[in-house]
Amino acid sequence: MAQLTPNRIVRISAGVIFVIFGLGKFFNHATEVDSFRTYGLPWPAAFVTAIGIVEIVGGAFLLANRLVRPAALVLAGDMVGAIVVSGLAQGEVISLTLAPLLLAGMAYLLLSPGGSGSS
């Protein structure tokens, strides 16, 4: 049985969250597009699709323990965007609570010794 290290806990829990939220971009596409439209982003439907793909693929890499650092870097950027665009600008609670936690988790994976896909 694999050892339950802090790196593994962060990687798997964040991976699950990113995949779930990424899938939500497709299952609730119209609602997500409406939200992205309120953020003032150009081409909100394209942004929703792109972010959904980033979150699903990045989360899958975390879950598979592959390309962990590159995935964490991209997902960290995704969370910075969420914090700024929907959290700070719109006051959305999830972007001011969960997104900073995920950003911290991605920073941890980027900086931890086992972040390269070895844990």
Protein backbone atom coordinates (compact mmCIF):
# COMPACT_ATOMS: atom_id res chain seq x y z
CA MET A 1 0.00 0.00 0.00
CA ALA A 2 1.32 3.45 -0.88
CA GLN A 3 2.45 5.61 2.00
CA LEU A 4 0.14 8.52 2.79
CA THR A 5 2.54 11.47 2.62
CA PRO A 6 1.56 15.15 2.74
CA ASN A 7 2.55 15.42 -0.92
CA ARG A 8 0.28 12.53 -1.87
CA ILE A 9 -2.64 13.93 0.18
CA VAL A 10 -2.34 17.36 -1.47
CA ARG A 11 -1.87 15.89 -4.95
CA ILE A 12 -4.82 13.51 -4.79
CA SER A 13 -7.27 15.81 -3.01
CA ALA A 14 -6.46 18.73 -5.33
CA GLY A 15 -6.62 16.42 -8.36
CA VAL A 16 -10.12 15.26 -7.42
CA ILE A 17 -11.30 18.83 -6.84
CA PHE A 18 -9.87 20.08 -10.14
CA VAL A 19 -11.43 17.21 -12.12
CA ILE A 20 -14.83 17.77 -10.48
CA PHE A 21 -14.78 21.53 -11.09
CA GLY A 22 -13.47 21.00 -14.62
CA LEU A 23 -16.29 18.58 -15.42
CA GLY A 24 -18.72 21.14 -14.03
CA LYS A 25 -17.61 23.53 -16.74
CA PHE A 26 -19.12 21.09 -19.26
CA PHE A 27 -22.10 19.70 -17.35
CA ASN A 28 -23.22 23.22 -16.36
CA HIS A 29 -21.83 24.96 -19.43
CA ALA A 30 -24.57 27.59 -19.84
CA THR A 31 -24.41 28.60 -16.18
CA GLU A 32 -20.63 28.77 -16.28
CA VAL A 33 -20.73 30.88 -19.45
CA ASP A 34 -23.13 33.29 -17.73
CA SER A 35 -20.71 33.55 -14.79
CA PHE A 36 -17.72 34.11 -17.05
CA ARG A 37 -19.71 36.76 -18.92
CA THR A 38 -20.17 38.70 -15.66
CA TYR A 39 -16.38 38.61 -15.18
CA GLY A 40 -16.04 40.71 -18.34
CA LEU A 41 -13.91 38.14 -20.12
CA PRO A 42 -13.96 38.09 -23.92
CA TRP A 43 -15.37 34.91 -25.50
CA PRO A 44 -16.80 33.50 -22.25
CA ALA A 45 -17.86 30.19 -23.85
CA ALA A 46 -14.32 29.62 -25.12
CA PHE A 47 -12.88 30.53 -21.70
CA VAL A 48 -15.21 28.08 -19.95
CA THR A 49 -14.20 25.29 -22.33
CA ALA A 50 -10.48 26.07 -22.06
CA ILE A 51 -10.54 26.32 -18.27
CA GLY A 52 -12.57 23.10 -18.06
CA ILE A 53 -9.97 21.28 -20.15
CA VAL A 54 -7.11 22.74 -18.09
CA GLU A 55 -8.75 21.65 -14.84
CA ILE A 56 -9.65 18.14 -16.02
CA VAL A 57 -6.29 17.42 -17.64
CA GLY A 58 -4.28 19.07 -14.86
CA GLY A 59 -6.28 17.26 -12.19
CA ALA A 60 -5.83 13.97 -14.05
CA PHE A 61 -2.06 14.51 -14.15
CA LEU A 62 -2.05 15.11 -10.40
CA LEU A 63 -4.12 11.97 -9.80
CA ALA A 64 -1.87 9.91 -12.08
CA ASN A 65 1.27 11.35 -10.42
CA ARG A 66 2.58 12.40 -13.82
CA LEU A 67 3.95 15.79 -14.84
CA VAL A 68 3.02 17.01 -11.37
CA ARG A 69 5.11 20.19 -11.38
CA PRO A 70 4.03 21.40 -14.84
CA ALA A 71 0.40 20.61 -13.99
CA ALA A 72 0.71 22.38 -10.64
CA LEU A 73 2.19 25.44 -12.35
CA VAL A 74 -0.68 25.68 -14.85
CA LEU A 75 -3.29 25.02 -12.17
CA ALA A 76 -1.71 27.64 -9.92
CA GLY A 77 -2.18 30.15 -12.74
CA ASP A 78 -5.78 29.01 -13.06
CA MET A 79 -6.31 29.69 -9.36
CA VAL A 80 -4.67 33.12 -9.53
CA GLY A 81 -7.12 33.93 -12.32
CA ALA A 82 -10.06 32.66 -10.27
CA ILE A 83 -9.00 34.63 -7.21
CA VAL A 84 -8.56 37.87 -9.16
CA VAL A 85 -11.39 37.66 -11.70
CA SER A 86 -14.20 36.07 -9.71
CA GLY A 87 -13.01 36.38 -6.13
CA LEU A 88 -11.60 39.85 -5.70
CA ALA A 89 -13.53 41.48 -8.56
CA GLN A 90 -16.89 39.76 -7.98
CA GLY A 91 -16.73 38.65 -4.35
CA GLU A 92 -17.49 35.01 -5.11
CA VAL A 93 -16.94 33.09 -1.90
CA ILE A 94 -15.54 29.90 -3.45
CA SER A 95 -12.92 31.94 -5.30
CA LEU A 96 -11.92 33.58 -2.02
CA THR A 97 -11.83 30.34 0.00
CA LEU A 98 -11.19 27.19 -2.03
CA ALA A 99 -9.13 28.84 -4.78
CA PRO A 100 -6.50 30.22 -2.35
CA LEU A 101 -6.28 26.80 -0.69
CA LEU A 102 -5.76 25.14 -4.07
CA LEU A 103 -3.19 27.79 -4.98
CA ALA A 104 -1.32 27.02 -1.76
CA GLY A 105 -1.52 23.31 -2.57
CA MET A 106 -0.10 23.89 -6.04
CA ALA A 107 2.72 26.00 -4.56
CA TYR A 108 3.44 23.16 -2.14
CA LEU A 109 3.61 20.65 -5.01
CA LEU A 110 5.88 22.96 -6.97
CA LEU A 111 8.28 23.41 -4.06
CA SER A 112 8.16 20.04 -2.29
CA PRO A 113 10.87 17.43 -2.91
CA GLY A 114 8.28 14.84 -3.98
CA GLY A 115 6.48 17.20 -6.36
CA SER A 116 8.00 15.85 -9.55
CA GLY A 117 5.88 12.73 -9.74
CA SER A 118 7.80 10.53 -7.32
CA SER A 119 5.32 10.24 -4.46
